[in-house]
Amino acid sequence: MNRVTAPIVGACAVISCWAAYVVLSGVPPYILPGPGAVINTLISDWAILGRALWVTTKTTVVALLLAAAGGGCAAVILAQSRSLETLLSPIMVTIQVMPIVAIAPLILIYAPTPWIAQLICALLVTFFPIMLNVLQGLKSADRHHADLLKTYNASRWQTLIYLKLPSALPSFLAGLKIGGGLALVAAVVGEFAAGQAGTNAGLAFRLLEAQYRLNMPRLFACLVLLAILGAIIFGLISKMSEIALRRWHVSEQQ
């Protein structure tokens, strides 16, 4: 069983147990719908759920890309100056440990649009894990290689390009895997706080709407779409990591 078939088999086993429990227990669908009811809802309500999926996907992907670019650049800058890192550390720690659920309503007040508020929520949660991973990777460059470059009179820029950035790549990709899931979670939290209806409503809003209306099949359909989206994001980043590292880094070697 390889990396591709194992998750599929696991998902099928979970769905089979879910369906068997619904049939054997006789639980009513307004409490726990079966997989068939959820699939039928996905098909019949796709016009609504598809738009919601796109909104949540857009927020998650844009936040992840901005966090990857901004976190990587910030880590490179901080790695060049220990005093700057020490100066900004209290601010970074404060923002990182602040619960996004607590500050999401405040962000919603000051953001120009609800979608921007959702994007800021996702960006704040995603930015720091990526930045800290990259910063740790930059600091973990082999000192013997660094000393060798010094003997050849390499500049700080050359040391960064040829030694520190390649050394930080595994840490960056690991942070990206973490950030992908966190971006999705924060996007959902932002949607909960924003509560934006209409064509700009995301999956979190549709989930709350289904909960208020006791539409359990649609609620579970939203959960399934969120799970699939998270799995796709993680799978794509894992594949990118495998392609980038499999020829030289032990973490991706068989």
Protein backbone atom coordinates (compact mmCIF):
# COMPACT_ATOMS: atom_id res chain seq x y z
CA MET A 1 0.00 0.00 0.00
CA ASN A 2 1.63 3.26 -1.14
CA ARG A 3 1.18 6.89 -0.17
CA VAL A 4 -1.65 7.39 -2.66
CA THR A 5 -3.84 4.38 -1.92
CA ALA A 6 -3.43 4.40 1.88
CA PRO A 7 -5.37 7.65 2.49
CA ILE A 8 -8.08 6.53 0.05
CA VAL A 9 -8.48 3.21 1.85
CA GLY A 10 -8.60 5.01 5.20
CA ALA A 11 -11.26 7.44 3.97
CA CYS A 12 -13.36 4.59 2.55
CA ALA A 13 -13.12 2.74 5.87
CA VAL A 14 -14.34 5.81 7.79
CA ILE A 15 -17.23 6.35 5.38
CA SER A 16 -18.19 2.68 5.59
CA CYS A 17 -18.24 2.77 9.39
CA TRP A 18 -20.29 5.98 9.27
CA ALA A 19 -22.85 4.45 6.90
CA ALA A 20 -23.05 1.21 8.89
CA TYR A 21 -23.65 3.09 12.14
CA VAL A 22 -26.45 5.19 10.62
CA VAL A 23 -28.19 2.10 9.21
CA LEU A 24 -27.77 -0.14 12.25
CA SER A 25 -28.59 2.45 14.91
CA GLY A 26 -31.57 3.91 13.06
CA VAL A 27 -30.55 7.44 14.02
CA PRO A 28 -32.80 9.99 12.26
CA PRO A 29 -31.21 12.06 9.45
CA TYR A 30 -31.93 15.35 11.23
CA ILE A 31 -29.46 14.22 13.91
CA LEU A 32 -26.89 12.31 11.86
CA PRO A 33 -27.37 12.03 8.09
CA GLY A 34 -25.77 9.17 6.23
CA PRO A 35 -23.11 9.54 3.54
CA GLY A 36 -25.76 9.14 0.83
CA ALA A 37 -27.77 12.09 2.13
CA VAL A 38 -24.63 14.22 2.30
CA ILE A 39 -23.65 13.32 -1.27
CA ASN A 40 -27.16 14.12 -2.51
CA THR A 41 -26.95 17.50 -0.75
CA LEU A 42 -23.57 18.21 -2.33
CA ILE A 43 -25.09 17.57 -5.75
CA SER A 44 -28.39 19.39 -5.25
CA ASP A 45 -26.90 22.40 -3.41
CA TRP A 46 -23.71 22.69 -5.45
CA ALA A 47 -24.73 26.08 -6.86
CA ILE A 48 -24.55 27.48 -3.32
CA LEU A 49 -21.83 25.30 -1.86
CA GLY A 50 -19.57 25.66 -4.89
CA ARG A 51 -19.52 29.46 -4.59
CA ALA A 52 -18.90 29.17 -0.84
CA LEU A 53 -16.05 26.74 -1.47
CA TRP A 54 -14.46 29.18 -3.92
CA VAL A 55 -14.64 32.05 -1.41
CA THR A 56 -13.01 30.00 1.35
CA THR A 57 -10.40 28.60 -1.04
CA LYS A 58 -9.51 32.08 -2.31
CA THR A 59 -9.07 33.43 1.21
CA THR A 60 -6.95 30.46 2.28
CA VAL A 61 -4.69 30.38 -0.78
CA VAL A 62 -4.11 34.16 -0.91
CA ALA A 63 -3.31 34.25 2.81
CA LEU A 64 -0.93 31.30 2.46
CA LEU A 65 0.90 32.87 -0.49
CA LEU A 66 1.22 36.23 1.27
CA ALA A 67 2.43 34.53 4.45
CA ALA A 68 4.97 32.46 2.53
CA ALA A 69 6.38 35.51 0.76
CA GLY A 70 6.21 37.85 3.75
CA GLY A 71 7.36 35.32 6.31
CA GLY A 72 10.29 34.22 4.19
CA CYS A 73 11.43 37.80 3.56
CA ALA A 74 10.99 38.76 7.22
CA ALA A 75 13.02 35.74 8.32
CA VAL A 76 15.86 36.65 5.96
CA ILE A 77 15.92 40.21 7.31
CA LEU A 78 15.85 39.08 10.94
CA ALA A 79 18.58 36.51 10.32
CA GLN A 80 20.93 39.28 9.24
CA SER A 81 20.53 41.27 12.45
CA ARG A 82 20.38 39.69 15.89
CA SER A 83 19.60 43.06 17.51
CA LEU A 84 16.60 43.57 15.21
CA GLU A 85 15.32 40.09 16.07
CA THR A 86 15.68 40.82 19.78
CA LEU A 87 13.89 44.15 19.36
CA LEU A 88 10.92 42.67 17.50
CA SER A 89 10.63 39.41 19.44
CA PRO A 90 8.17 40.73 22.08
CA ILE A 91 5.87 42.07 19.36
CA MET A 92 6.01 38.83 17.37
CA VAL A 93 5.35 36.67 20.42
CA THR A 94 2.44 38.86 21.51
CA ILE A 95 0.75 38.67 18.11
CA GLN A 96 1.42 34.96 17.77
CA VAL A 97 -0.11 33.97 21.12
CA MET A 98 -3.12 36.28 20.76
CA PRO A 99 -6.18 34.07 20.04
CA ILE A 100 -7.49 34.90 16.59
CA VAL A 101 -11.04 34.31 17.83
CA ALA A 102 -10.56 37.20 20.28
CA ILE A 103 -9.16 39.72 17.79
CA ALA A 104 -11.26 38.75 14.74
CA PRO A 105 -14.15 41.10 15.71
CA LEU A 106 -11.66 43.94 16.17
CA ILE A 107 -10.13 43.27 12.76
CA LEU A 108 -13.61 43.28 11.26
CA ILE A 109 -14.22 46.79 12.63
CA TYR A 110 -11.09 48.32 11.08
CA ALA A 111 -10.85 46.34 7.83
CA PRO A 112 -12.37 48.04 4.77
CA THR A 113 -14.34 44.96 3.67
CA PRO A 114 -15.38 41.68 5.34
CA TRP A 115 -13.24 39.69 2.90
CA ILE A 116 -10.16 41.75 3.77
CA ALA A 117 -10.91 41.06 7.45
CA GLN A 118 -11.03 37.33 6.74
CA LEU A 119 -7.77 37.57 4.79
CA ILE A 120 -6.04 39.42 7.64
CA CYS A 121 -7.18 36.77 10.13
CA ALA A 122 -5.79 33.98 7.98
CA LEU A 123 -2.58 35.91 7.29
CA LEU A 124 -1.86 36.63 10.96
CA VAL A 125 -2.23 32.99 11.94
CA THR A 126 -0.18 31.70 9.00
CA PHE A 127 2.61 34.28 8.91
CA PHE A 128 4.47 33.51 12.11
CA PRO A 129 4.81 29.69 11.84
CA ILE A 130 6.31 30.10 8.39
CA MET A 131 8.59 32.95 9.44
CA LEU A 132 9.84 31.14 12.56
CA ASN A 133 10.50 27.94 10.62
CA VAL A 134 12.47 29.79 7.96
CA LEU A 135 14.38 31.76 10.61
CA GLN A 136 15.31 28.57 12.42
CA GLY A 137 16.40 27.01 9.14
CA LEU A 138 18.61 29.99 8.31
CA LYS A 139 20.24 29.78 11.73
CA SER A 140 20.79 26.03 11.37
CA ALA A 141 23.11 26.27 8.38
CA ASP A 142 26.21 24.07 8.78
CA ARG A 143 28.92 26.09 10.53
CA HIS A 144 31.71 24.15 8.85
CA HIS A 145 30.33 25.14 5.47
CA ALA A 146 30.00 28.73 6.67
CA ASP A 147 33.63 28.73 7.80
CA LEU A 148 34.66 27.31 4.43
CA LEU A 149 32.88 30.13 2.62
CA LYS A 150 34.65 32.64 4.86
CA THR A 151 38.02 31.23 3.88
CA TYR A 152 37.10 31.96 0.27
CA ASN A 153 36.11 35.53 1.24
CA ALA A 154 32.45 34.99 0.40
CA SER A 155 30.22 37.96 1.10
CA ARG A 156 27.19 37.82 3.39
CA TRP A 157 24.99 37.87 0.28
CA GLN A 158 26.82 34.90 -1.25
CA THR A 159 26.64 33.00 2.04
CA LEU A 160 22.91 33.65 2.15
CA ILE A 161 22.30 32.52 -1.42
CA TYR A 162 24.56 29.48 -1.57
CA LEU A 163 24.34 28.16 1.99
CA LYS A 164 21.63 29.57 4.25
CA LEU A 165 18.68 29.62 1.86
CA PRO A 166 19.18 26.00 0.67
CA SER A 167 19.61 24.94 4.30
CA ALA A 168 16.35 26.69 5.22
CA LEU A 169 14.32 25.13 2.41
CA PRO A 170 13.22 22.02 4.38
CA SER A 171 12.17 24.22 7.30
CA PHE A 172 10.30 26.54 4.94
CA LEU A 173 8.37 23.66 3.41
CA ALA A 174 7.60 22.23 6.86
CA GLY A 175 6.28 25.63 7.91
CA LEU A 176 4.24 25.77 4.72
CA LYS A 177 2.59 22.46 5.60
CA ILE A 178 1.66 23.80 9.01
CA GLY A 179 0.60 27.13 7.58
CA GLY A 180 -1.72 25.55 5.02
CA GLY A 181 -3.90 24.01 7.70
CA LEU A 182 -3.73 27.08 9.91
CA ALA A 183 -4.71 29.35 7.01
CA LEU A 184 -7.85 27.30 6.43
CA VAL A 185 -8.74 27.30 10.14
CA ALA A 186 -8.21 31.05 10.41
CA ALA A 187 -10.20 31.69 7.23
CA VAL A 188 -13.11 29.78 8.77
CA VAL A 189 -12.78 31.77 12.00
CA GLY A 190 -12.78 34.99 9.99
CA GLU A 191 -15.91 33.90 8.16
CA PHE A 192 -17.58 33.09 11.48
CA ALA A 193 -16.79 36.60 12.70
CA ALA A 194 -17.67 38.40 9.47
CA GLY A 195 -20.90 36.52 8.81
CA GLN A 196 -20.99 37.72 5.21
CA ALA A 197 -24.02 36.52 3.26
CA GLY A 198 -24.80 36.48 -0.45
CA THR A 199 -22.37 35.48 -3.17
CA ASN A 200 -19.40 36.35 -0.91
CA ALA A 201 -20.42 33.87 1.79
CA GLY A 202 -17.87 31.17 2.54
CA LEU A 203 -18.29 27.63 3.76
CA ALA A 204 -18.24 28.72 7.41
CA PHE A 205 -21.22 31.01 6.87
CA ARG A 206 -23.11 28.27 5.03
CA LEU A 207 -22.28 25.91 7.89
CA LEU A 208 -23.74 28.32 10.45
CA GLU A 209 -26.75 28.91 8.22
CA ALA A 210 -27.37 25.16 8.00
CA GLN A 211 -27.01 24.85 11.77
CA TYR A 212 -29.60 27.55 12.44
CA ARG A 213 -32.01 25.91 10.01
CA LEU A 214 -31.27 22.39 11.34
CA ASN A 215 -30.27 21.36 7.82
CA MET A 216 -27.89 18.64 8.94
CA PRO A 217 -27.10 17.19 5.48
CA ARG A 218 -25.90 20.62 4.28
CA LEU A 219 -23.95 21.14 7.52
CA PHE A 220 -22.13 17.85 7.00
CA ALA A 221 -21.63 18.70 3.33
CA CYS A 222 -19.84 21.90 4.38
CA LEU A 223 -17.67 19.92 6.78
CA VAL A 224 -16.81 17.41 4.05
CA LEU A 225 -15.82 20.21 1.66
CA LEU A 226 -13.63 21.83 4.32
CA ALA A 227 -11.95 18.49 5.02
CA ILE A 228 -11.36 17.87 1.32
CA LEU A 229 -9.97 21.37 0.84
CA GLY A 230 -7.58 20.95 3.76
CA ALA A 231 -6.45 17.56 2.46
CA ILE A 232 -5.84 18.95 -1.03
CA ILE A 233 -3.77 21.86 0.29
CA PHE A 234 -1.69 19.56 2.47
CA GLY A 235 -1.28 17.06 -0.36
CA LEU A 236 -0.11 19.70 -2.85
CA ILE A 237 2.43 21.13 -0.40
CA SER A 238 3.66 17.63 0.46
CA LYS A 239 4.11 16.86 -3.22
CA MET A 240 5.98 20.11 -3.73
CA SER A 241 8.20 19.23 -0.77
CA GLU A 242 8.87 15.78 -2.20
CA ILE A 243 9.84 17.21 -5.60
CA ALA A 244 12.09 19.87 -4.08
CA LEU A 245 13.88 17.70 -1.49
CA ARG A 246 13.85 14.09 -2.64
CA ARG A 247 17.22 14.27 -4.43
CA TRP A 248 19.23 15.64 -1.54
CA HIS A 249 17.38 15.81 1.81
CA VAL A 250 16.87 12.82 4.08
CA SER A 251 13.30 13.81 5.04
CA GLU A 252 11.95 12.93 1.58
CA GLN A 253 14.17 9.98 0.75
CA GLN A 254 12.65 6.52 0.76
